[in-house]
Amino acid sequence: MLAIHKEAFFKVADMLNCWIGLREPNPLADQWIGRVGYIAKGERCKAKTADNPSFRFAGLVTDPTLCPEAFTQATLTDALEKWKKFTFNNQLPSGFTRVESGSEKGLVKYEGAAIHADFDLMSINVADKNGHIGFTTRNDAHSLFIKAQPLLNHFFGSALIMHGSEFDWDGGIGARESEYVFYFGPKRQFKQTLSSMPQKVGTLH
């Protein structure tokens, strides 16, 4: 995670007197963020970013049927499943294109721009008078997000927060079953915890 992005989280947490929980970012995206011709992954893009560090376009959304080597052995099956859901008869949704051959073979683009991972928020909470995480209703969290999103994207220098937090989203579970969450609080407070989000149907969390 780049220093400029950490500073943005600290600054906004201080400005809004809140705690912002960030799901562990994809370090492979750092090399692409902020470059001309590259954008963050929006909600419409369900395909996976390449996670094989030795792949030329690691950190960018890639077609696993054209470039299976873009993914590790552990993630290729999931990438193929996500790709099947993302496409219809192997046709991409409106606005998306795929490079069929050449040096960029397999690279997926949206309106001509290659796609890197976005920042996924886990939660956003009110800070109490002592600067600790305070009781936060869903309305509180939503109101904070409405203020925080444009501020964060402004300080990042590009749009990286593309949707609401995990705990304020009705579209299903996006978080991994086990992952680190970074919490940025007022006065540069920072916590890192291991989150557990069971994926089985019917599990409460």
Protein backbone atom coordinates (compact mmCIF):
# COMPACT_ATOMS: atom_id res chain seq x y z
CA MET A 1 0.00 0.00 0.00
CA LEU A 2 1.46 3.32 -1.06
CA ALA A 3 2.27 6.00 1.53
CA ILE A 4 0.03 8.56 -0.20
CA HIS A 5 -2.95 6.24 0.23
CA LYS A 6 -2.26 5.67 3.93
CA GLU A 7 -2.03 9.43 4.44
CA ALA A 8 -5.39 9.89 2.73
CA PHE A 9 -7.07 7.47 5.13
CA PHE A 10 -5.50 9.13 8.18
CA LYS A 11 -6.48 12.59 6.94
CA VAL A 12 -10.13 11.70 6.29
CA ALA A 13 -10.47 9.75 9.55
CA ASP A 14 -9.27 12.86 11.36
CA MET A 15 -11.46 15.25 9.37
CA LEU A 16 -14.63 13.21 9.99
CA ASN A 17 -13.65 11.92 13.46
CA CYS A 18 -14.26 8.33 12.45
CA TRP A 19 -12.64 4.94 12.01
CA ILE A 20 -12.27 3.58 8.48
CA GLY A 21 -11.79 -0.16 8.06
CA LEU A 22 -10.02 -1.17 4.85
CA ARG A 23 -9.86 -4.75 3.61
CA GLU A 24 -6.24 -5.73 2.98
CA PRO A 25 -5.37 -4.10 -0.37
CA ASN A 26 -3.88 -5.98 -3.29
CA PRO A 27 -0.17 -4.99 -3.37
CA LEU A 28 0.06 -5.98 -7.03
CA ALA A 29 -2.18 -3.02 -7.89
CA ASP A 30 0.26 -0.41 -6.54
CA GLN A 31 2.34 -0.32 -9.72
CA TRP A 32 -0.71 0.61 -11.82
CA ILE A 33 -2.65 3.00 -9.58
CA GLY A 34 -2.64 6.61 -10.74
CA ARG A 35 -1.14 5.91 -14.15
CA VAL A 36 -2.81 7.26 -17.28
CA GLY A 37 -4.85 4.54 -18.99
CA TYR A 38 -5.59 2.57 -15.83
CA ILE A 39 -8.71 2.64 -13.65
CA ALA A 40 -10.01 0.94 -10.52
CA LYS A 41 -12.36 -1.99 -10.75
CA GLY A 42 -16.02 -0.99 -10.52
CA GLU A 43 -18.98 -3.04 -9.34
CA ARG A 44 -19.82 -4.20 -12.87
CA CYS A 45 -16.49 -5.94 -13.28
CA LYS A 46 -16.75 -9.35 -11.62
CA ALA A 47 -13.67 -10.81 -13.29
CA LYS A 48 -10.52 -11.38 -11.23
CA THR A 49 -7.23 -9.54 -11.31
CA ALA A 50 -4.15 -11.58 -12.22
CA ASP A 51 -2.41 -12.70 -9.03
CA ASN A 52 0.67 -14.50 -10.34
CA PRO A 53 3.49 -12.08 -9.44
CA SER A 54 5.62 -13.28 -12.37
CA PHE A 55 2.90 -12.47 -14.92
CA ARG A 56 3.58 -9.27 -16.85
CA PHE A 57 0.21 -7.76 -15.98
CA ALA A 58 -0.08 -9.02 -12.40
CA GLY A 59 -2.61 -6.84 -10.60
CA LEU A 60 -4.74 -6.18 -13.69
CA VAL A 61 -8.00 -7.87 -14.72
CA THR A 62 -7.12 -10.65 -17.14
CA ASP A 63 -9.07 -13.29 -19.07
CA PRO A 64 -8.13 -16.63 -17.45
CA THR A 65 -9.24 -18.57 -20.55
CA LEU A 66 -6.69 -16.76 -22.71
CA CYS A 67 -3.98 -16.45 -20.05
CA PRO A 68 -4.32 -19.15 -17.38
CA GLU A 69 -0.70 -18.42 -16.44
CA ALA A 70 -1.88 -15.06 -15.06
CA PHE A 71 -3.22 -16.87 -12.01
CA THR A 72 -1.71 -19.14 -9.40
CA GLN A 73 -2.67 -22.77 -9.18
CA ALA A 74 -4.66 -21.98 -6.05
CA THR A 75 -6.80 -19.27 -7.67
CA LEU A 76 -7.21 -20.33 -11.30
CA THR A 77 -10.39 -22.35 -10.73
CA ASP A 78 -12.07 -19.45 -8.95
CA ALA A 79 -10.91 -17.03 -11.66
CA LEU A 80 -12.48 -19.25 -14.33
CA GLU A 81 -15.76 -19.46 -12.41
CA LYS A 82 -15.88 -15.69 -11.95
CA TRP A 83 -15.09 -15.20 -15.63
CA LYS A 84 -17.97 -17.45 -16.66
CA LYS A 85 -20.36 -15.38 -14.53
CA PHE A 86 -18.91 -12.12 -15.84
CA THR A 87 -19.39 -13.07 -19.50
CA PHE A 88 -22.34 -14.44 -21.49
CA ASN A 89 -21.34 -17.01 -24.10
CA ASN A 90 -17.84 -15.58 -23.64
CA GLN A 91 -19.08 -12.12 -24.65
CA LEU A 92 -18.13 -9.22 -22.38
CA PRO A 93 -20.63 -6.73 -20.93
CA SER A 94 -21.09 -3.37 -22.63
CA GLY A 95 -18.04 -1.12 -22.39
CA PHE A 96 -15.59 -3.95 -21.73
CA THR A 97 -13.10 -5.29 -24.27
CA ARG A 98 -10.44 -7.97 -24.24
CA VAL A 99 -7.11 -7.98 -26.05
CA GLU A 100 -7.14 -11.14 -28.16
CA SER A 101 -3.49 -11.28 -29.20
CA GLY A 102 -0.17 -9.50 -29.09
CA SER A 103 1.80 -8.14 -26.15
CA GLU A 104 -1.36 -7.32 -24.15
CA LYS A 105 -3.11 -10.63 -24.83
CA GLY A 106 -5.77 -11.41 -22.23
CA LEU A 107 -5.89 -7.91 -20.76
CA VAL A 108 -9.44 -6.72 -20.04
CA LYS A 109 -10.23 -3.03 -20.48
CA TYR A 110 -13.16 -0.77 -19.75
CA GLU A 111 -13.66 2.03 -22.26
CA GLY A 112 -10.04 1.58 -23.29
CA ALA A 113 -8.51 1.60 -19.81
CA ALA A 114 -6.89 -1.40 -18.12
CA ILE A 115 -8.40 -2.32 -14.76
CA HIS A 116 -6.63 -2.71 -11.41
CA ALA A 117 -8.08 -3.55 -8.00
CA ASP A 118 -10.03 -0.92 -6.09
CA PHE A 119 -10.00 -0.33 -2.33
CA ASP A 120 -12.72 -2.26 -0.50
CA LEU A 121 -13.90 -0.80 2.79
CA MET A 122 -14.91 -3.24 5.51
CA SER A 123 -16.61 -0.67 7.73
CA ILE A 124 -16.78 2.96 8.74
CA ASN A 125 -17.55 3.88 12.35
CA VAL A 126 -18.12 6.94 14.48
CA ALA A 127 -15.28 7.76 16.89
CA ASP A 128 -16.34 8.52 20.46
CA LYS A 129 -15.09 11.48 22.54
CA ASN A 130 -11.97 9.51 23.46
CA GLY A 131 -11.18 8.68 19.85
CA HIS A 132 -12.17 5.03 20.18
CA ILE A 133 -14.55 3.17 17.88
CA GLY A 134 -18.04 4.14 19.01
CA PHE A 135 -21.53 2.74 18.57
CA THR A 136 -22.51 3.27 14.96
CA THR A 137 -25.91 2.69 13.37
CA ARG A 138 -26.20 1.72 9.73
CA ASN A 139 -27.52 5.22 8.99
CA ASP A 140 -24.49 6.71 10.75
CA ALA A 141 -22.17 4.53 8.68
CA HIS A 142 -23.92 5.41 5.44
CA SER A 143 -23.80 9.14 6.20
CA LEU A 144 -20.09 8.92 6.99
CA PHE A 145 -19.44 7.01 3.77
CA ILE A 146 -21.21 9.66 1.68
CA LYS A 147 -18.79 12.23 3.11
CA ALA A 148 -15.70 10.02 3.13
CA GLN A 149 -15.82 8.60 -0.40
CA PRO A 150 -15.27 11.86 -2.33
CA LEU A 151 -12.67 13.05 0.17
CA LEU A 152 -10.67 9.83 -0.02
CA ASN A 153 -10.77 9.70 -3.81
CA HIS A 154 -9.68 13.35 -3.91
CA PHE A 155 -6.67 12.76 -1.68
CA PHE A 156 -5.77 9.54 -3.52
CA GLY A 157 -5.62 11.49 -6.76
CA SER A 158 -7.82 8.93 -8.52
CA ALA A 159 -11.07 7.08 -7.81
CA LEU A 160 -10.25 3.99 -5.74
CA ILE A 161 -13.31 3.75 -3.48
CA MET A 162 -15.97 2.56 -5.91
CA HIS A 163 -18.75 1.37 -3.60
CA GLY A 164 -19.95 1.24 0.00
CA SER A 165 -18.42 -0.77 2.81
CA GLU A 166 -18.84 -4.51 3.31
CA PHE A 167 -21.14 -3.93 6.28
CA ASP A 168 -23.31 -1.48 4.33
CA TRP A 169 -23.77 -3.55 1.20
CA ASP A 170 -26.68 -5.84 0.31
CA GLY A 171 -25.02 -7.55 -2.63
CA GLY A 172 -23.69 -10.56 -0.70
CA ILE A 173 -20.35 -11.38 0.87
CA GLY A 174 -17.40 -9.77 -0.84
CA ALA A 175 -14.81 -10.27 1.89
CA ARG A 176 -12.56 -13.30 1.96
CA GLU A 177 -13.05 -15.93 4.65
CA SER A 178 -9.84 -14.83 6.36
CA GLU A 179 -8.01 -11.58 5.66
CA TYR A 180 -6.41 -8.62 7.37
CA VAL A 181 -8.33 -5.40 7.88
CA PHE A 182 -6.53 -2.09 8.39
CA TYR A 183 -8.31 0.44 10.63
CA PHE A 184 -7.44 4.13 10.35
CA GLY A 185 -8.65 6.38 13.15
CA PRO A 186 -8.44 10.02 14.25
CA LYS A 187 -5.06 11.39 15.36
CA ARG A 188 -3.27 8.78 13.24
CA GLN A 189 -4.47 5.83 15.24
CA PHE A 190 -3.99 2.53 13.44
CA LYS A 191 -5.04 -1.06 14.08
CA GLN A 192 -4.61 -4.22 12.06
CA THR A 193 -6.83 -7.22 12.77
CA LEU A 194 -7.54 -10.58 11.20
CA SER A 195 -11.14 -10.73 10.00
CA SER A 196 -13.17 -13.90 9.63
CA MET A 197 -16.14 -13.77 7.25
CA PRO A 198 -17.54 -17.33 6.86
CA GLN A 199 -18.78 -17.93 3.34
CA LYS A 200 -21.21 -20.80 3.93
CA VAL A 201 -24.87 -20.10 3.25
CA GLY A 202 -26.80 -19.44 6.44
CA THR A 203 -23.78 -18.33 8.45
CA LEU A 204 -24.43 -15.26 10.56
CA HIS A 205 -21.76 -12.57 10.84
